[in-house]
Amino acid sequence: MIVDSQVHIWAADTPERPWPARHKPHRPEPFSSSDLLREMDAAGVDAAVIVPPSWEGERNDLGLEAARLHPHRFAVMGRMDTDAPSAPGALKSWRSQPGMLGLRLAFNTPRLLSMLTEGRFEWLWTAAEEAGVPVMVRVQHHALAHHIDAVAGRHPGLRLVMDHLAMPMALKDDEAFAEIDKLLILSKRPNIAVKASGLPYYSTHPYPYKNIHAHFRRVYDAFGPQRIFWGTDLTKLSCTYRQAVTMFTEEIPWFTREDKDWIMGRALCTWLDWKLPAR
């Protein structure tokens, strides 16, 4: 079972469904669940977690509709307007929405980052822990990982996932992994897992990106296969979807067959309590 831990879908920016003034999408044209299914089928990907993209705002409608139509192919880690008065209470019933597995927070603006570093999200961590809602977090530099470490320590029942190995978006090759020790320290927390998603993006070498394999080996040694989730961030990939699969299934020599079973989907589904049928 091959399950992608992060993909985006989106519709057009229209007056009926306008986007907030944030940033451009990964691709100039809308990318629908039908487009995604075609690419998944061609690449041999069985299922995927839809992470609604930030450029569409705090919307989960397209992802939840895709999960409704294809419950054995899609589920959602949703976005939330954390400033809404209803936000604290919403987490109590968050997973009762059909297809919703948890919450995704991207600390990619100064305002949101300050809320993390100043401890102003404590209400959210508490509510998510009490409701059993797993949270994927995106911090764009390893130096910020200690803030998530502190959250995990205060909330041992909260399942946290570090998106994209907390990689800095602007760096490549060895420079991108220079501070990865600050991520590896988090492996001491049993309630923290990592998404090995979009790794080809961080290499300037050709497929299979062997210059970053040794860096990833350190992640593997620290977290183990049951806390590493393969993923692609498909619409941002610098290779084909199939190559993103085979980089892990065929090109990493130290993976055992059991490692691949966990990393390519079983670990993710277990962590998020996504009960997919056997292939």
Protein backbone atom coordinates (compact mmCIF):
# COMPACT_ATOMS: atom_id res chain seq x y z
CA MET A 1 0.00 0.00 0.00
CA ILE A 2 1.59 3.26 -1.16
CA VAL A 3 0.10 6.34 0.51
CA ASP A 4 1.30 9.87 -0.18
CA SER A 5 1.43 11.96 3.01
CA GLN A 6 0.94 15.31 1.25
CA VAL A 7 -0.72 16.47 -1.95
CA HIS A 8 -2.57 19.66 -2.82
CA ILE A 9 -5.64 20.22 -4.98
CA TRP A 10 -7.24 23.57 -5.74
CA ALA A 11 -9.81 25.34 -7.89
CA ALA A 12 -9.57 28.61 -9.81
CA ASP A 13 -9.51 32.00 -8.12
CA THR A 14 -12.95 33.42 -9.03
CA PRO A 15 -15.31 36.08 -7.67
CA GLU A 16 -17.57 33.27 -6.45
CA ARG A 17 -14.67 31.52 -4.70
CA PRO A 18 -11.92 34.12 -4.22
CA TRP A 19 -8.47 33.46 -2.81
CA PRO A 20 -6.91 35.64 -0.14
CA ALA A 21 -3.92 37.77 -1.17
CA ARG A 22 -1.16 35.32 -0.25
CA HIS A 23 1.12 33.67 -2.80
CA LYS A 24 0.96 31.95 -6.15
CA PRO A 25 -0.03 28.29 -6.53
CA HIS A 26 2.50 25.60 -7.43
CA ARG A 27 1.06 25.41 -10.94
CA PRO A 28 -0.70 28.14 -12.95
CA GLU A 29 -3.79 26.02 -13.68
CA PRO A 30 -6.21 24.48 -11.14
CA PHE A 31 -5.40 20.93 -10.07
CA SER A 32 -8.47 18.85 -9.25
CA SER A 33 -9.03 15.55 -7.50
CA SER A 34 -9.62 14.00 -10.93
CA ASP A 35 -6.24 15.29 -12.12
CA LEU A 36 -4.68 13.87 -8.97
CA LEU A 37 -6.30 10.47 -9.40
CA ARG A 38 -4.93 10.19 -12.93
CA GLU A 39 -1.41 10.94 -11.73
CA MET A 40 -1.73 8.56 -8.78
CA ASP A 41 -2.94 5.73 -11.00
CA ALA A 42 -0.08 6.28 -13.44
CA ALA A 43 2.52 6.33 -10.66
CA GLY A 44 1.12 3.39 -8.69
CA VAL A 45 0.04 5.41 -5.66
CA ASP A 46 -2.92 3.86 -3.83
CA ALA A 47 -4.07 6.72 -1.61
CA ALA A 48 -3.11 10.23 -0.55
CA VAL A 49 -3.63 12.74 2.22
CA ILE A 50 -4.94 16.01 0.82
CA VAL A 51 -3.50 19.09 2.54
CA PRO A 52 -5.53 22.12 1.39
CA PRO A 53 -3.08 24.75 0.09
CA SER A 54 -2.63 28.08 1.83
CA TRP A 55 -3.27 30.13 -1.32
CA GLU A 56 -6.93 29.08 -1.21
CA GLY A 57 -7.39 30.31 2.35
CA GLU A 58 -8.78 28.34 5.28
CA ARG A 59 -10.88 26.06 3.08
CA ASN A 60 -11.26 22.30 3.25
CA ASP A 61 -14.23 21.87 0.93
CA LEU A 62 -12.46 20.43 -2.12
CA GLY A 63 -10.50 17.92 -0.08
CA LEU A 64 -13.52 16.76 1.91
CA GLU A 65 -15.55 16.38 -1.29
CA ALA A 66 -12.77 14.29 -2.83
CA ALA A 67 -12.70 12.10 0.30
CA ARG A 68 -16.49 11.74 0.16
CA LEU A 69 -16.37 10.58 -3.45
CA HIS A 70 -13.27 8.40 -3.03
CA PRO A 71 -12.99 7.39 0.66
CA HIS A 72 -10.46 4.66 -0.09
CA ARG A 73 -8.20 7.04 -2.02
CA PHE A 74 -8.34 10.35 -0.14
CA ALA A 75 -8.49 11.82 3.34
CA VAL A 76 -7.76 15.34 4.61
CA MET A 77 -5.49 17.08 7.08
CA GLY A 78 -7.48 20.27 7.22
CA ARG A 79 -6.82 23.96 7.68
CA MET A 80 -8.44 26.05 10.41
CA ASP A 81 -8.97 29.77 10.89
CA THR A 82 -7.33 29.91 14.30
CA ASP A 83 -8.55 33.49 14.82
CA ALA A 84 -12.22 32.51 14.55
CA PRO A 85 -14.14 32.63 17.85
CA SER A 86 -15.40 29.12 17.12
CA ALA A 87 -11.89 27.66 16.69
CA PRO A 88 -11.34 26.29 20.24
CA GLY A 89 -14.65 24.41 20.20
CA ALA A 90 -14.25 23.19 16.62
CA LEU A 91 -11.51 20.73 17.51
CA LYS A 92 -13.85 18.75 19.74
CA SER A 93 -15.73 17.48 16.69
CA TRP A 94 -12.99 17.98 14.07
CA ARG A 95 -12.61 14.31 13.18
CA SER A 96 -16.36 13.79 13.00
CA GLN A 97 -16.26 15.44 9.56
CA PRO A 98 -16.25 12.54 7.07
CA GLY A 99 -12.78 12.21 5.58
CA MET A 100 -11.07 14.52 8.10
CA LEU A 101 -8.04 13.00 9.83
CA GLY A 102 -6.50 15.98 11.60
CA LEU A 103 -5.12 19.49 11.38
CA ARG A 104 -2.29 21.07 9.40
CA LEU A 105 -0.58 24.26 10.58
CA ALA A 106 1.99 26.11 8.47
CA PHE A 107 4.05 28.62 10.43
CA ASN A 108 5.16 30.45 7.30
CA THR A 109 4.18 34.03 8.14
CA PRO A 110 5.67 36.31 10.83
CA ARG A 111 2.32 36.52 12.62
CA LEU A 112 1.79 32.78 12.87
CA LEU A 113 5.42 32.18 13.73
CA SER A 114 5.23 34.65 16.60
CA MET A 115 2.15 32.86 17.93
CA LEU A 116 4.19 29.65 18.03
CA THR A 117 7.34 31.12 19.54
CA GLU A 118 5.42 33.16 22.13
CA GLY A 119 3.26 30.23 23.24
CA ARG A 120 -0.03 31.72 22.08
CA PHE A 121 -1.18 28.42 20.54
CA GLU A 122 -1.31 26.60 23.85
CA TRP A 123 -5.11 26.48 23.66
CA LEU A 124 -4.88 24.65 20.31
CA TRP A 125 -2.33 22.06 21.47
CA THR A 126 -4.46 21.36 24.55
CA ALA A 127 -7.69 21.05 22.56
CA ALA A 128 -6.09 18.82 19.90
CA GLU A 129 -4.59 16.55 22.53
CA GLU A 130 -7.89 16.21 24.39
CA ALA A 131 -9.82 15.52 21.15
CA GLY A 132 -7.27 13.07 19.74
CA VAL A 133 -6.60 15.24 16.68
CA PRO A 134 -3.14 14.70 15.12
CA VAL A 135 -1.41 17.84 13.87
CA MET A 136 1.02 18.27 10.98
CA VAL A 137 3.25 21.34 11.39
CA ARG A 138 5.40 23.19 8.89
CA VAL A 139 8.28 25.19 10.27
CA GLN A 140 10.69 26.29 7.59
CA HIS A 141 13.96 25.91 9.41
CA HIS A 142 15.52 23.32 11.66
CA ALA A 143 16.37 26.08 14.15
CA LEU A 144 12.66 26.37 14.98
CA ALA A 145 12.22 22.69 15.77
CA HIS A 146 12.84 23.20 19.49
CA HIS A 147 9.51 25.01 19.77
CA ILE A 148 7.72 21.85 18.61
CA ASP A 149 9.90 19.81 20.97
CA ALA A 150 8.58 21.91 23.86
CA VAL A 151 4.98 21.44 22.72
CA ALA A 152 5.46 17.67 22.51
CA GLY A 153 6.92 17.61 25.99
CA ARG A 154 3.99 19.50 27.50
CA HIS A 155 1.43 17.42 25.57
CA PRO A 156 2.61 13.79 25.44
CA GLY A 157 -0.76 12.61 24.12
CA LEU A 158 -0.64 14.94 21.10
CA ARG A 159 0.52 13.31 17.85
CA LEU A 160 2.72 15.75 15.93
CA VAL A 161 4.25 15.43 12.45
CA MET A 162 7.15 17.57 11.22
CA ASP A 163 6.40 18.38 7.58
CA HIS A 164 9.17 18.15 4.96
CA LEU A 165 11.72 17.29 7.70
CA ALA A 166 11.50 20.99 8.70
CA MET A 167 13.69 21.79 5.70
CA PRO A 168 14.48 25.43 4.78
CA MET A 169 12.78 26.14 1.46
CA ALA A 170 15.49 28.32 -0.08
CA LEU A 171 18.46 25.94 0.38
CA LYS A 172 19.66 22.89 -1.55
CA ASP A 173 22.04 19.94 -1.17
CA ASP A 174 24.33 19.81 1.88
CA GLU A 175 23.43 23.37 2.86
CA ALA A 176 19.76 22.42 3.22
CA PHE A 177 20.65 19.67 5.70
CA ALA A 178 23.32 21.62 7.63
CA GLU A 179 21.21 21.94 10.78
CA ILE A 180 19.33 18.67 10.64
CA ASP A 181 20.69 17.69 14.07
CA LYS A 182 18.09 20.08 15.49
CA LEU A 183 15.37 17.94 13.94
CA LEU A 184 16.95 14.64 14.97
CA ILE A 185 16.84 15.69 18.63
CA LEU A 186 13.05 15.51 18.39
CA SER A 187 13.21 11.75 17.83
CA LYS A 188 13.42 11.33 21.62
CA ARG A 189 9.73 12.31 21.74
CA PRO A 190 7.60 9.25 20.89
CA ASN A 191 4.72 11.56 19.91
CA ILE A 192 6.69 13.22 17.08
CA ALA A 193 6.96 11.74 13.57
CA VAL A 194 8.38 13.21 10.35
CA LYS A 195 7.21 13.54 6.76
CA ALA A 196 9.96 12.72 4.26
CA SER A 197 8.00 14.67 1.70
CA GLY A 198 9.29 16.49 -1.36
CA LEU A 199 12.92 15.45 -0.85
CA PRO A 200 13.86 15.75 -4.58
CA TYR A 201 13.17 19.49 -4.27
CA TYR A 202 16.21 19.86 -1.98
CA SER A 203 18.75 18.38 -4.40
CA THR A 204 20.32 19.90 -7.50
CA HIS A 205 21.58 16.47 -8.59
CA PRO A 206 19.71 14.22 -11.04
CA TYR A 207 17.45 11.33 -10.04
CA PRO A 208 17.83 9.38 -7.74
CA TYR A 209 19.38 12.33 -5.83
CA LYS A 210 22.08 10.24 -4.20
CA ASN A 211 23.80 13.28 -2.70
CA ILE A 212 21.02 13.57 -0.08
CA HIS A 213 20.68 9.86 0.75
CA ALA A 214 23.25 9.99 3.55
CA HIS A 215 21.39 12.88 5.17
CA PHE A 216 18.15 10.94 4.99
CA ARG A 217 19.89 7.90 6.48
CA ARG A 218 20.44 9.94 9.64
CA VAL A 219 16.70 10.67 9.81
CA TYR A 220 15.98 6.97 9.33
CA ASP A 221 18.42 5.99 12.08
CA ALA A 222 16.90 8.51 14.49
CA PHE A 223 13.16 8.08 13.92
CA GLY A 224 12.90 4.57 12.52
CA PRO A 225 10.52 3.40 9.77
CA GLN A 226 7.39 3.57 11.93
CA ARG A 227 7.73 7.35 12.37
CA ILE A 228 8.75 8.32 8.83
CA PHE A 229 6.05 9.04 6.25
CA TRP A 230 6.87 9.12 2.53
CA GLY A 231 5.26 11.96 0.59
CA THR A 232 5.74 14.15 -2.43
CA ASP A 233 4.05 17.57 -2.33
CA LEU A 234 3.29 16.44 -5.88
CA THR A 235 2.55 19.74 -7.61
CA LYS A 236 5.96 21.09 -6.53
CA LEU A 237 7.98 18.01 -7.52
CA SER A 238 11.18 18.41 -9.52
CA CYS A 239 10.85 14.86 -10.91
CA THR A 240 8.05 12.59 -12.12
CA TYR A 241 5.58 11.17 -9.64
CA ARG A 242 6.77 7.67 -10.43
CA GLN A 243 10.39 8.66 -9.73
CA ALA A 244 9.34 10.04 -6.35
CA VAL A 245 7.98 6.55 -5.59
CA THR A 246 10.92 4.54 -6.93
CA MET A 247 13.48 6.76 -5.20
CA PHE A 248 12.23 5.12 -1.99
CA THR A 249 11.15 1.70 -3.23
CA GLU A 250 14.14 0.95 -5.48
CA GLU A 251 17.05 3.34 -4.90
CA ILE A 252 17.69 3.28 -1.12
CA PRO A 253 19.71 0.13 -0.49
CA TRP A 254 19.41 -0.06 3.29
CA PHE A 255 15.60 -0.26 3.29
CA THR A 256 14.26 -3.71 4.12
CA ARG A 257 10.98 -4.90 2.69
CA GLU A 258 9.37 -4.22 6.08
CA ASP A 259 10.87 -0.70 6.13
CA LYS A 260 9.21 0.04 2.80
CA ASP A 261 5.89 -1.29 4.05
CA TRP A 262 5.97 1.13 6.98
CA ILE A 263 7.47 4.20 5.30
CA MET A 264 5.44 4.04 2.08
CA GLY A 265 2.07 4.06 3.83
CA ARG A 266 1.51 1.80 6.82
CA ALA A 267 3.17 4.14 9.33
CA LEU A 268 1.17 7.16 8.14
CA CYS A 269 -2.16 5.35 8.26
CA THR A 270 -1.38 4.00 11.73
CA TRP A 271 -0.34 7.42 13.07
CA LEU A 272 -3.43 9.17 11.67
CA ASP A 273 -5.77 6.24 12.39
CA TRP A 274 -6.77 6.05 8.73
CA LYS A 275 -8.31 2.63 8.25
CA LEU A 276 -7.76 1.91 4.58
CA PRO A 277 -8.77 -1.49 3.16
CA ALA A 278 -5.94 -3.84 2.27
CA ARG A 279 -4.74 -3.60 -1.30
